[in-house]
Amino acid sequence: MPMTLFAGMTTDQKIGQLMMVGFDGIVVDANLRRMITDYHIGGVILFARNVQSPEQVARLTNELQTIALESGHPGLFIAVDQEGGRVARLTESSGFTEFPSAMALTATGDPENARGMGAAMAAEMGAVGINVDFAPDLDVNNNPSNPVIGTRSFSSDPAKVAEYGIAFARGLQENGVLAFGKHFPGHGDTGVDSHIDLPQVPHDRARLDEVELVPFRAAIQADLAGIMSAHVTFPAIDPTPGLAATLSPPVLMGLLRDELGYDGLIATDSLEMGALASKGYPAPVAAALAFAAGADVLLFNRDHAMHKEAFANLVRAVRERKVSEGQLDASVQRILKTKAKFGLLTPVLVEDPSRAGDSTSTAEHHALALEISRKAITLLKDEASLLPLGLGEPLLVIETPAAEGLGSLLGATTIEIKNDPDENVIAAVLQTALDARKIIVATTDVSFYPGQVKLVTELLAKNLSVVIVSVRTPYDIRVLPMVPTVLAAYGGNPPALRAIVDVLMGKAQASGVLPVTLA
């Protein structure tokens, strides 16, 4: 079937299959319809802006697939970034289950939790017609100053990242959702956010083999459907100044395809990101370069005018022989083969969109998310024996935005602060804190926010009983080593907050194991 379909495709139809595009709104408009019918796109990606409810998403994906099939095209890849933790497009507020972060999974000490969570997430995605998850994150988070990966990574240990990442991916793929490991060759040891600018990983090839590449080798062995590239430079592989891995033939073709022997789909990270644009590669230009470098799936955010410009550039690149017909054919054949393998050439539509919510936000899935979140919470120290909290004792909870709702769950006096509170806010908090027996401070990546450090330091200076709960990375203890009681929760989404409350009140044990090296 794929070869028969392929044989009848025009060059324009083949090029369309390379493209996966984002869009605005919660319904199919005329412009998006035209991208499918006239520009032959191979897939779409959903963001939070496209999600209102399970029924709405199911009707949306049904319509998208129907348009593709009725216009004579293969079924679409319909993708989402659903990693767990803070990267979630399908949330409780829109009728789905939120799950713990990757780092929380590793903190449980049991890779079966990763597989089970992947399976549960796949069930919810499948219930609304989503068939691709741009997860797991296979970056090794060995840089505490990384501003963008953090708890999205499973660990600072390459072997742990491989073990838990592949378990999660199997949970997805065994339940019909394609897994794409990211960000090749590795975004863990960076101090710059590639959404904004271009990071560099300066290590030599031996170090890359020992650390960054370990999880990706495992992904290749495990037959992940796809691997997503990083908008990061790797001089040890390609010394071209300012050229991200996404645009580098030595990285995508030389290393991933030829040396490592990967024959699955290579996808780009979103081509509008600042790492590319800041170096003179706007998305339409980057699209042709990424394709020439070896990418099969070119990922775009919103803006159909830009999508059309990118399409024209890709057509031109093939017609002017900047990219060979043979390379185009090989990419399209990989795409069609993968769609055939997962039943997506003629996908089964959601049978009854009005009942899609019956399979999302289920009691079973909520229970799983809470159980994993509880098992993940790690007691880094309790030198002052402040835990568990006593029933009814006066509490003050200081919430950063990532922990919104914690104080309410505890039934405590609550002060909400910004991530970097100023002197006036700190003074007001200190005044209120004098009336509390214990103070819970939900911290968020304090190394980036001196105001949080100042606040905690001044609370301690008044001899107040302070408990820190790190609701992002567990590295806060490195900056605030003088705090006597510290919990790491690896997240602040609904199941994480409920688990924090259970541990603070002694209803659950903090049995998690630290997944990263703090030194």
Protein backbone atom coordinates (compact mmCIF):
# COMPACT_ATOMS: atom_id res chain seq x y z
CA MET A 1 0.00 0.00 0.00
CA PRO A 2 2.67 2.64 0.84
CA MET A 3 4.56 1.96 -2.40
CA THR A 4 1.38 2.04 -4.49
CA LEU A 5 0.43 5.32 -2.88
CA PHE A 6 3.95 6.67 -3.27
CA ALA A 7 4.08 5.80 -6.98
CA GLY A 8 1.16 8.10 -7.74
CA MET A 9 2.45 11.12 -5.84
CA THR A 10 3.61 14.34 -7.48
CA THR A 11 6.64 16.26 -6.27
CA ASP A 12 4.36 18.82 -4.60
CA GLN A 13 2.45 16.07 -2.79
CA LYS A 14 5.69 14.52 -1.59
CA ILE A 15 6.96 17.84 -0.27
CA GLY A 16 3.69 18.44 1.57
CA GLN A 17 4.15 15.18 3.44
CA LEU A 18 7.32 16.57 5.00
CA MET A 19 5.43 19.41 6.68
CA MET A 20 3.75 19.39 10.09
CA VAL A 21 2.07 22.69 10.91
CA GLY A 22 0.45 24.46 13.83
CA PHE A 23 -2.61 26.69 13.59
CA ASP A 24 -4.84 28.99 15.60
CA GLY A 25 -8.28 28.17 16.95
CA ILE A 26 -10.27 25.11 17.96
CA VAL A 27 -11.92 24.35 14.61
CA VAL A 28 -10.77 23.86 11.03
CA ASP A 29 -10.93 27.10 9.08
CA ALA A 30 -10.61 27.62 5.33
CA ASN A 31 -6.88 28.33 5.50
CA LEU A 32 -6.06 25.16 7.41
CA ARG A 33 -8.31 23.14 5.10
CA ARG A 34 -6.38 24.51 2.14
CA MET A 35 -3.05 23.55 3.72
CA ILE A 36 -4.31 19.95 3.67
CA THR A 37 -6.04 19.89 0.31
CA ASP A 38 -3.73 22.12 -1.75
CA TYR A 39 -0.41 21.97 0.08
CA HIS A 40 -0.71 18.28 0.99
CA ILE A 41 0.68 18.65 4.54
CA GLY A 42 1.56 15.40 6.25
CA GLY A 43 0.59 16.43 9.76
CA VAL A 44 -0.53 19.02 12.26
CA ILE A 45 0.60 19.82 15.79
CA LEU A 46 -1.80 20.85 18.53
CA PHE A 47 -0.98 23.37 21.23
CA ALA A 48 -2.95 24.42 24.31
CA ARG A 49 -4.64 27.09 22.20
CA ASN A 50 -6.24 24.31 20.11
CA VAL A 51 -7.62 22.36 23.08
CA GLN A 52 -10.92 23.13 24.78
CA SER A 53 -12.31 19.72 25.74
CA PRO A 54 -11.98 16.04 24.80
CA GLU A 55 -15.09 16.21 22.62
CA GLN A 56 -13.84 19.31 20.80
CA VAL A 57 -10.40 17.76 20.15
CA ALA A 58 -11.98 14.51 18.92
CA ARG A 59 -14.24 16.40 16.50
CA LEU A 60 -11.27 18.48 15.35
CA THR A 61 -9.05 15.47 14.64
CA ASN A 62 -11.90 13.61 12.92
CA GLU A 63 -12.45 16.56 10.61
CA LEU A 64 -8.76 16.94 9.87
CA GLN A 65 -8.40 13.26 8.96
CA THR A 66 -11.57 13.30 6.89
CA ILE A 67 -10.34 16.28 4.87
CA ALA A 68 -7.04 14.52 4.19
CA LEU A 69 -8.67 11.26 3.12
CA GLU A 70 -11.41 12.85 1.02
CA SER A 71 -8.81 14.92 -0.86
CA GLY A 72 -6.87 11.77 -1.75
CA HIS A 73 -4.06 12.14 0.77
CA PRO A 74 -2.71 9.75 3.38
CA GLY A 75 -3.96 10.17 6.92
CA LEU A 76 -2.30 12.86 9.00
CA PHE A 77 0.18 12.75 11.82
CA ILE A 78 -1.62 14.61 14.61
CA ALA A 79 0.94 15.52 17.22
CA VAL A 80 1.24 17.12 20.62
CA ASP A 81 3.97 17.89 23.16
CA GLN A 82 2.76 15.85 26.13
CA GLU A 83 5.77 15.02 28.27
CA GLY A 84 4.19 15.14 31.72
CA GLY A 85 5.04 17.80 34.29
CA ARG A 86 5.17 21.35 33.03
CA VAL A 87 5.09 20.43 29.34
CA ALA A 88 1.47 19.43 28.85
CA ARG A 89 -0.97 20.65 26.22
CA LEU A 90 -3.75 18.39 27.52
CA THR A 91 -4.54 19.58 31.04
CA GLU A 92 -7.03 19.02 33.85
CA SER A 93 -8.76 22.29 33.03
CA SER A 94 -9.58 20.97 29.55
CA GLY A 95 -10.73 17.54 30.69
CA PHE A 96 -7.56 15.42 30.65
CA THR A 97 -5.29 13.89 33.28
CA GLU A 98 -2.07 15.67 34.13
CA PHE A 99 0.87 13.41 34.91
CA PRO A 100 4.20 13.88 36.73
CA SER A 101 7.40 15.05 35.08
CA ALA A 102 10.07 12.79 33.62
CA MET A 103 12.39 13.50 36.54
CA ALA A 104 9.61 12.51 38.96
CA LEU A 105 9.32 9.15 37.21
CA THR A 106 12.98 8.37 37.79
CA ALA A 107 12.69 9.51 41.41
CA THR A 108 10.21 6.65 42.00
CA GLY A 109 12.99 4.14 41.36
CA ASP A 110 10.79 1.94 39.16
CA PRO A 111 10.85 2.17 35.34
CA GLU A 112 7.49 0.37 35.21
CA ASN A 113 5.99 3.64 36.41
CA ALA A 114 7.33 5.27 33.24
CA ARG A 115 5.86 2.57 31.06
CA GLY A 116 2.51 2.71 32.85
CA MET A 117 2.33 6.48 32.60
CA GLY A 118 3.18 6.36 28.89
CA ALA A 119 0.41 3.82 28.35
CA ALA A 120 -2.14 5.94 30.23
CA MET A 121 -1.17 9.06 28.31
CA ALA A 122 -1.43 7.17 25.02
CA ALA A 123 -4.93 6.00 25.94
CA GLU A 124 -6.05 9.59 26.49
CA MET A 125 -4.39 10.83 23.31
CA GLY A 126 -5.85 7.99 21.28
CA ALA A 127 -9.31 8.70 22.66
CA VAL A 128 -9.25 12.11 20.93
CA GLY A 129 -7.42 11.14 17.75
CA ILE A 130 -3.88 12.24 18.59
CA ASN A 131 -1.31 9.78 17.23
CA VAL A 132 2.13 11.40 17.80
CA ASP A 133 3.74 12.52 21.04
CA PHE A 134 6.92 14.58 20.86
CA ALA A 135 8.27 12.76 23.90
CA PRO A 136 10.25 11.42 25.72
CA ASP A 137 12.88 14.03 26.44
CA LEU A 138 16.14 12.06 26.24
CA ASP A 139 18.41 14.93 27.27
CA VAL A 140 20.83 14.20 30.12
CA ASN A 141 20.30 17.05 32.56
CA ASN A 142 23.82 17.41 33.95
CA ASN A 143 23.82 21.21 33.98
CA PRO A 144 21.93 22.65 36.99
CA SER A 145 21.84 26.03 35.20
CA ASN A 146 19.93 24.67 32.21
CA PRO A 147 17.00 27.09 31.80
CA VAL A 148 14.78 24.95 29.59
CA ILE A 149 15.22 21.21 30.28
CA GLY A 150 15.34 20.64 34.05
CA THR A 151 12.59 18.27 35.19
CA ARG A 152 11.77 17.45 31.57
CA SER A 153 14.86 15.21 31.73
CA PHE A 154 14.74 11.87 33.48
CA SER A 155 18.14 12.20 35.17
CA SER A 156 21.72 13.43 35.10
CA ASP A 157 22.74 9.77 34.64
CA PRO A 158 22.76 8.75 30.95
CA ALA A 159 21.86 5.15 31.79
CA LYS A 160 18.84 6.26 33.83
CA VAL A 161 17.68 8.57 31.06
CA ALA A 162 17.89 5.65 28.64
CA GLU A 163 16.15 3.20 30.96
CA TYR A 164 13.23 5.40 31.97
CA GLY A 165 12.93 7.21 28.65
CA ILE A 166 12.65 4.00 26.68
CA ALA A 167 10.17 2.55 29.19
CA PHE A 168 8.00 5.63 28.71
CA ALA A 169 8.31 5.43 24.92
CA ARG A 170 7.28 1.78 24.96
CA GLY A 171 4.19 2.69 26.95
CA LEU A 172 3.26 5.13 24.19
CA GLN A 173 4.04 2.96 21.18
CA GLU A 174 2.54 -0.24 22.58
CA ASN A 175 -0.70 1.73 22.76
CA GLY A 176 -0.66 3.21 19.28
CA VAL A 177 1.04 6.59 19.78
CA LEU A 178 4.32 7.32 18.00
CA ALA A 179 7.14 8.36 20.34
CA PHE A 180 9.75 10.91 19.26
CA GLY A 181 12.86 11.09 21.46
CA LYS A 182 14.40 14.55 21.74
CA HIS A 183 16.57 16.68 21.41
CA PHE A 184 19.32 14.96 19.39
CA PRO A 185 22.27 14.95 19.99
CA GLY A 186 21.47 16.42 23.44
CA HIS A 187 20.17 19.62 25.03
CA GLY A 188 20.92 18.76 28.66
CA ASP A 189 24.27 20.47 29.16
CA THR A 190 23.29 23.93 27.95
CA GLY A 191 22.92 27.23 29.75
CA VAL A 192 20.85 28.95 27.05
CA ASP A 193 17.20 28.42 26.10
CA SER A 194 17.03 27.51 22.40
CA HIS A 195 13.60 29.13 22.16
CA ILE A 196 15.51 32.41 22.52
CA ASP A 197 19.09 31.94 21.27
CA LEU A 198 21.49 29.28 20.01
CA PRO A 199 23.19 27.18 22.73
CA GLN A 200 26.42 25.27 22.29
CA VAL A 201 27.56 21.94 23.71
CA PRO A 202 31.37 22.29 23.54
CA HIS A 203 32.41 18.78 24.57
CA ASP A 204 34.61 16.49 22.52
CA ARG A 205 33.28 13.43 20.75
CA ALA A 206 34.43 11.00 23.45
CA ARG A 207 32.38 12.85 26.07
CA LEU A 208 29.34 12.97 23.76
CA ASP A 209 29.59 9.21 23.32
CA GLU A 210 29.79 8.68 27.08
CA VAL A 211 26.92 11.00 28.04
CA GLU A 212 24.70 12.75 25.50
CA LEU A 213 24.44 9.97 22.91
CA VAL A 214 23.73 7.10 25.33
CA PRO A 215 19.93 7.57 25.49
CA PHE A 216 19.66 8.07 21.74
CA ARG A 217 21.54 4.85 21.02
CA ALA A 218 19.01 3.13 23.29
CA ALA A 219 16.15 4.81 21.43
CA ILE A 220 17.47 3.49 18.13
CA GLN A 221 17.73 -0.02 19.57
CA ALA A 222 14.17 0.28 20.92
CA ASP A 223 12.82 1.28 17.49
CA LEU A 224 11.36 4.63 18.44
CA ALA A 225 9.25 5.97 15.61
CA GLY A 226 11.07 9.29 15.56
CA ILE A 227 13.94 11.37 16.89
CA MET A 228 13.72 15.16 17.11
CA SER A 229 16.76 17.33 16.49
CA ALA A 230 18.15 20.03 18.78
CA HIS A 231 18.62 23.67 17.89
CA VAL A 232 22.06 23.46 19.51
CA THR A 233 25.56 23.59 18.03
CA PHE A 234 28.01 20.71 18.51
CA PRO A 235 31.46 21.79 17.25
CA ALA A 236 32.89 18.30 17.81
CA ILE A 237 30.50 17.01 15.13
CA ASP A 238 30.07 20.06 12.91
CA PRO A 239 32.43 23.02 13.47
CA THR A 240 30.41 25.37 11.22
CA PRO A 241 29.91 28.51 13.35
CA GLY A 242 26.29 29.25 14.27
CA LEU A 243 24.88 26.13 12.61
CA ALA A 244 22.41 24.24 14.79
CA ALA A 245 22.23 20.44 14.69
CA THR A 246 18.84 20.77 13.00
CA LEU A 247 20.53 22.30 9.95
CA SER A 248 23.69 20.18 10.00
CA PRO A 249 24.25 17.33 7.51
CA PRO A 250 27.14 15.93 9.62
CA VAL A 251 24.78 15.66 12.60
CA LEU A 252 21.60 14.36 10.97
CA MET A 253 22.99 12.41 8.03
CA GLY A 254 26.53 11.69 9.13
CA LEU A 255 25.98 10.83 12.79
CA LEU A 256 22.33 9.87 13.27
CA ARG A 257 21.51 8.25 9.94
CA ASP A 258 24.84 6.79 8.80
CA GLU A 259 26.99 6.17 11.88
CA LEU A 260 24.27 5.27 14.38
CA GLY A 261 22.18 3.52 11.73
CA TYR A 262 18.84 5.13 12.54
CA ASP A 263 16.19 4.51 9.87
CA GLY A 264 13.17 6.03 11.60
CA LEU A 265 11.81 9.54 11.18
CA ILE A 266 14.02 12.53 11.90
CA ALA A 267 11.92 15.54 12.92
CA THR A 268 13.04 19.10 13.53
CA ASP A 269 12.19 21.05 16.62
CA SER A 270 9.94 24.01 15.77
CA LEU A 271 11.62 25.96 12.99
CA GLU A 272 10.53 29.40 14.26
CA MET A 273 12.55 29.20 17.46
CA GLY A 274 15.01 31.93 18.34
CA ALA A 275 18.03 29.64 18.10
CA LEU A 276 17.60 29.61 14.31
CA ALA A 277 16.11 33.05 13.67
CA SER A 278 18.83 34.75 15.75
CA LYS A 279 21.50 33.30 13.44
CA GLY A 280 19.83 34.38 10.20
CA TYR A 281 17.71 31.32 9.48
CA PRO A 282 14.02 32.28 9.46
CA ALA A 283 11.66 29.32 9.27
CA PRO A 284 11.14 29.22 5.46
CA VAL A 285 14.92 29.25 4.95
CA ALA A 286 15.56 26.81 7.79
CA ALA A 287 13.01 24.38 6.37
CA ALA A 288 14.94 23.82 3.14
CA LEU A 289 18.26 23.60 4.99
CA ALA A 290 16.92 21.12 7.56
CA PHE A 291 15.49 18.95 4.80
CA ALA A 292 18.80 19.06 2.93
CA ALA A 293 20.57 18.13 6.18
CA GLY A 294 18.49 14.97 6.55
CA ALA A 295 15.25 15.82 8.34
CA ASP A 296 12.08 14.02 7.24
CA VAL A 297 9.47 15.94 9.26
CA LEU A 298 9.66 19.73 9.32
CA LEU A 299 7.84 21.23 12.29
CA PHE A 300 6.22 24.66 12.17
CA ASN A 301 4.16 26.68 14.61
CA ARG A 302 1.32 28.94 13.42
CA ASP A 303 1.18 31.28 10.35
CA HIS A 304 -0.06 29.73 7.12
CA ALA A 305 1.56 32.46 5.00
CA MET A 306 4.91 31.35 6.38
CA HIS A 307 3.99 27.70 5.79
CA LYS A 308 3.30 28.46 2.13
CA GLU A 309 6.59 30.30 1.79
CA ALA A 310 8.40 27.31 3.28
CA PHE A 311 6.57 24.98 0.90
CA ALA A 312 7.68 27.11 -2.08
CA ASN A 313 11.28 27.06 -0.83
CA LEU A 314 11.20 23.28 -0.53
CA VAL A 315 9.80 22.89 -4.03
CA ARG A 316 12.50 25.21 -5.34
CA ALA A 317 15.24 23.31 -3.52
CA VAL A 318 14.20 20.07 -5.24
CA ARG A 319 13.69 21.61 -8.67
CA GLU A 320 17.04 23.38 -8.49
CA ARG A 321 18.62 20.10 -7.34
CA LYS A 322 19.86 21.53 -4.04
CA VAL A 323 18.19 18.44 -2.65
CA SER A 324 17.94 15.34 -4.82
CA GLU A 325 14.71 13.64 -5.84
CA GLY A 326 16.21 10.52 -4.30
CA GLN A 327 16.49 12.16 -0.89
CA LEU A 328 12.91 13.43 -1.15
CA ASP A 329 11.71 9.98 -2.12
CA ALA A 330 13.55 8.36 0.77
CA SER A 331 12.01 10.75 3.31
CA VAL A 332 8.49 10.34 1.96
CA GLN A 333 8.84 6.56 1.87
CA ARG A 334 9.91 6.61 5.53
CA ILE A 335 6.88 8.76 6.37
CA LEU A 336 4.45 6.50 4.51
CA LYS A 337 6.03 3.35 5.94
CA THR A 338 5.63 4.74 9.46
CA LYS A 339 2.04 5.77 8.81
CA ALA A 340 1.31 2.29 7.50
CA LYS A 341 2.95 0.64 10.53
CA PHE A 342 0.75 2.60 12.93
CA GLY A 343 -2.43 2.36 10.85
CA LEU A 344 -2.40 6.01 9.82
CA LEU A 345 -2.64 5.79 6.04
CA THR A 346 -6.40 5.41 6.53
CA PRO A 347 -6.80 6.14 10.24
CA VAL A 348 -9.78 5.03 12.29
CA LEU A 349 -11.75 8.06 13.39
CA VAL A 350 -12.94 8.64 16.95
CA GLU A 351 -16.19 6.68 16.97
CA ASP A 352 -18.23 8.97 19.21
CA PRO A 353 -16.58 12.30 20.02
CA SER A 354 -19.28 13.09 22.56
CA ARG A 355 -18.00 10.16 24.65
CA ALA A 356 -14.27 10.93 24.25
CA GLY A 357 -14.16 12.36 27.76
CA ASP A 358 -15.07 8.94 29.16
CA SER A 359 -11.50 7.84 28.40
CA THR A 360 -9.71 11.00 29.53
CA SER A 361 -9.44 12.28 33.07
CA THR A 362 -10.45 8.86 34.38
CA ALA A 363 -10.39 7.91 38.05
CA GLU A 364 -7.81 5.24 37.23
CA HIS A 365 -5.50 7.72 35.51
CA HIS A 366 -5.83 10.29 38.28
CA ALA A 367 -5.00 7.61 40.83
CA LEU A 368 -1.92 6.57 38.81
CA ALA A 369 -0.71 10.17 38.50
CA LEU A 370 -1.12 10.74 42.24
CA GLU A 371 0.55 7.45 43.15
CA ILE A 372 3.60 8.21 41.00
CA SER A 373 3.77 11.78 42.30
CA ARG A 374 3.73 10.53 45.90
CA LYS A 375 6.44 7.95 45.25
CA ALA A 376 8.60 10.61 43.59
CA ILE A 377 8.72 13.14 46.41
CA THR A 378 12.20 13.12 47.91
CA LEU A 379 13.15 14.24 51.41
CA LEU A 380 16.55 15.83 50.91
CA LYS A 381 16.89 16.63 54.60
CA ASP A 382 14.87 17.29 57.77
CA GLU A 383 17.50 18.34 60.27
CA ALA A 384 14.98 20.24 62.39
CA SER A 385 12.40 17.40 62.41
CA LEU A 386 9.71 19.72 61.08
CA LEU A 387 7.83 16.95 59.25
CA PRO A 388 5.17 15.76 59.27
CA LEU A 389 3.14 18.86 60.00
CA GLY A 390 0.76 18.78 62.92
CA LEU A 391 -2.97 19.01 62.37
CA GLY A 392 -4.26 22.48 63.05
CA GLU A 393 -0.91 24.15 63.69
CA PRO A 394 -0.64 27.71 62.31
CA LEU A 395 0.88 27.52 58.84
CA LEU A 396 1.93 30.06 56.28
CA VAL A 397 2.38 28.92 52.68
CA ILE A 398 4.38 31.11 50.32
CA GLU A 399 3.62 30.14 46.73
CA THR A 400 5.59 30.88 43.60
CA PRO A 401 3.40 30.70 40.45
CA ALA A 402 4.39 27.09 39.70
CA ALA A 403 2.85 26.01 43.05
CA GLU A 404 -0.42 27.91 42.76
CA GLY A 405 -3.06 26.14 44.85
CA LEU A 406 -0.77 24.48 47.41
CA GLY A 407 -1.87 26.72 50.27
CA SER A 408 -5.53 26.15 49.48
CA LEU A 409 -5.04 22.37 49.55
CA LEU A 410 -3.37 22.71 52.95
CA GLY A 411 -6.09 25.02 54.22
CA ALA A 412 -3.39 27.47 55.25
CA THR A 413 -2.83 31.21 55.16
CA THR A 414 -1.27 31.80 51.76
CA ILE A 415 0.83 34.50 50.15
CA GLU A 416 1.37 34.37 46.40
CA ILE A 417 4.62 35.85 45.18
CA LYS A 418 6.26 36.31 41.81
CA ASN A 419 9.33 34.25 41.03
CA ASP A 420 11.58 37.20 41.86
CA PRO A 421 9.88 39.14 44.70
CA ASP A 422 11.02 42.68 45.41
CA GLU A 423 11.95 44.31 48.73
CA ASN A 424 8.39 45.46 49.47
CA VAL A 425 6.93 42.00 48.97
CA ILE A 426 9.65 40.42 51.09
CA ALA A 427 8.96 42.90 53.90
CA ALA A 428 5.23 42.15 53.80
CA VAL A 429 5.85 38.40 53.85
CA LEU A 430 8.20 38.70 56.83
CA GLN A 431 5.58 40.62 58.80
CA THR A 432 2.92 37.98 58.16
CA ALA A 433 5.34 35.12 58.85
CA LEU A 434 5.81 36.16 62.49
CA ASP A 435 2.38 34.71 63.33
CA ALA A 436 3.04 31.28 61.82
CA ARG A 437 4.48 28.29 63.64
CA LYS A 438 5.80 26.78 60.41
CA ILE A 439 6.36 28.27 56.98
CA ILE A 440 6.20 26.32 53.74
CA VAL A 441 8.00 28.02 50.86
CA ALA A 442 7.31 26.53 47.45
CA THR A 443 10.46 27.51 45.56
CA THR A 444 11.01 27.56 41.81
CA ASP A 445 14.52 27.42 40.31
CA VAL A 446 15.96 29.82 42.88
CA SER A 447 19.35 30.07 41.14
CA PHE A 448 17.62 32.27 38.54
CA TYR A 449 15.72 34.41 41.08
CA PRO A 450 17.70 36.27 43.77
CA GLY A 451 14.48 37.56 45.30
CA GLN A 452 13.51 34.04 46.36
CA VAL A 453 16.94 33.52 47.91
CA LYS A 454 16.70 36.79 49.83
CA LEU A 455 13.22 35.95 51.10
CA VAL A 456 14.20 32.53 52.44
CA THR A 457 17.44 33.88 53.94
CA GLU A 458 15.56 36.60 55.82
CA LEU A 459 12.93 34.14 57.08
CA LEU A 460 15.69 31.98 58.52
CA ALA A 461 17.41 35.02 60.05
CA LYS A 462 14.28 35.55 62.17
CA ASN A 463 14.63 32.00 63.54
CA LEU A 464 11.41 30.90 61.87
CA SER A 465 10.71 27.23 61.09
CA VAL A 466 11.03 27.01 57.31
CA VAL A 467 10.31 24.06 55.03
CA ILE A 468 11.27 24.37 51.39
CA VAL A 469 9.39 22.42 48.74
CA SER A 470 11.14 22.65 45.36
CA VAL A 471 8.41 22.47 42.74
CA ARG A 472 10.72 22.52 39.73
CA THR A 473 14.27 21.16 39.80
CA PRO A 474 15.78 19.85 43.04
CA TYR A 475 18.81 22.11 42.69
CA ASP A 476 17.39 24.79 45.01
CA ILE A 477 19.16 23.16 47.95
CA ARG A 478 22.51 24.01 46.34
CA VAL A 479 21.69 27.71 46.63
CA LEU A 480 19.97 27.45 50.01
CA PRO A 481 21.99 24.83 51.90
CA MET A 482 21.19 26.42 55.27
CA VAL A 483 17.49 25.50 55.10
CA PRO A 484 16.97 22.62 57.57
CA THR A 485 14.05 20.87 55.87
CA VAL A 486 13.84 20.41 52.11
CA LEU A 487 11.53 18.37 49.90
CA ALA A 488 11.92 17.89 46.14
CA ALA A 489 8.64 17.40 44.27
CA TYR A 490 9.84 17.72 40.63
CA GLY A 491 6.67 19.57 39.66
CA GLY A 492 3.77 21.74 40.73
CA ASN A 493 0.91 20.43 38.59
CA PRO A 494 -2.28 19.08 40.23
CA PRO A 495 -1.06 15.56 41.11
CA ALA A 496 2.26 16.92 42.37
CA LEU A 497 0.51 19.44 44.64
CA ARG A 498 -1.79 16.77 46.05
CA ALA A 499 1.19 14.51 46.67
CA ILE A 500 3.08 17.33 48.41
CA VAL A 501 0.16 17.83 50.78
CA ASP A 502 -0.03 14.12 51.54
CA VAL A 503 3.68 13.97 52.36
CA LEU A 504 3.66 17.18 54.42
CA MET A 505 0.73 15.90 56.48
CA GLY A 506 2.22 12.43 56.95
CA LYS A 507 -0.36 10.60 54.84
CA ALA A 508 2.40 9.39 52.51
CA GLN A 509 6.13 8.79 52.95
CA ALA A 510 8.72 10.79 51.02
CA SER A 511 10.31 7.71 49.50
CA GLY A 512 11.73 9.21 46.31
CA VAL A 513 15.37 8.83 45.27
CA LEU A 514 17.23 11.84 43.92
CA PRO A 515 17.63 11.34 40.11
CA VAL A 516 20.34 13.96 39.63
CA THR A 517 23.72 14.78 41.08
CA LEU A 518 23.55 18.01 43.09
CA ALA A 519 27.28 18.73 43.21
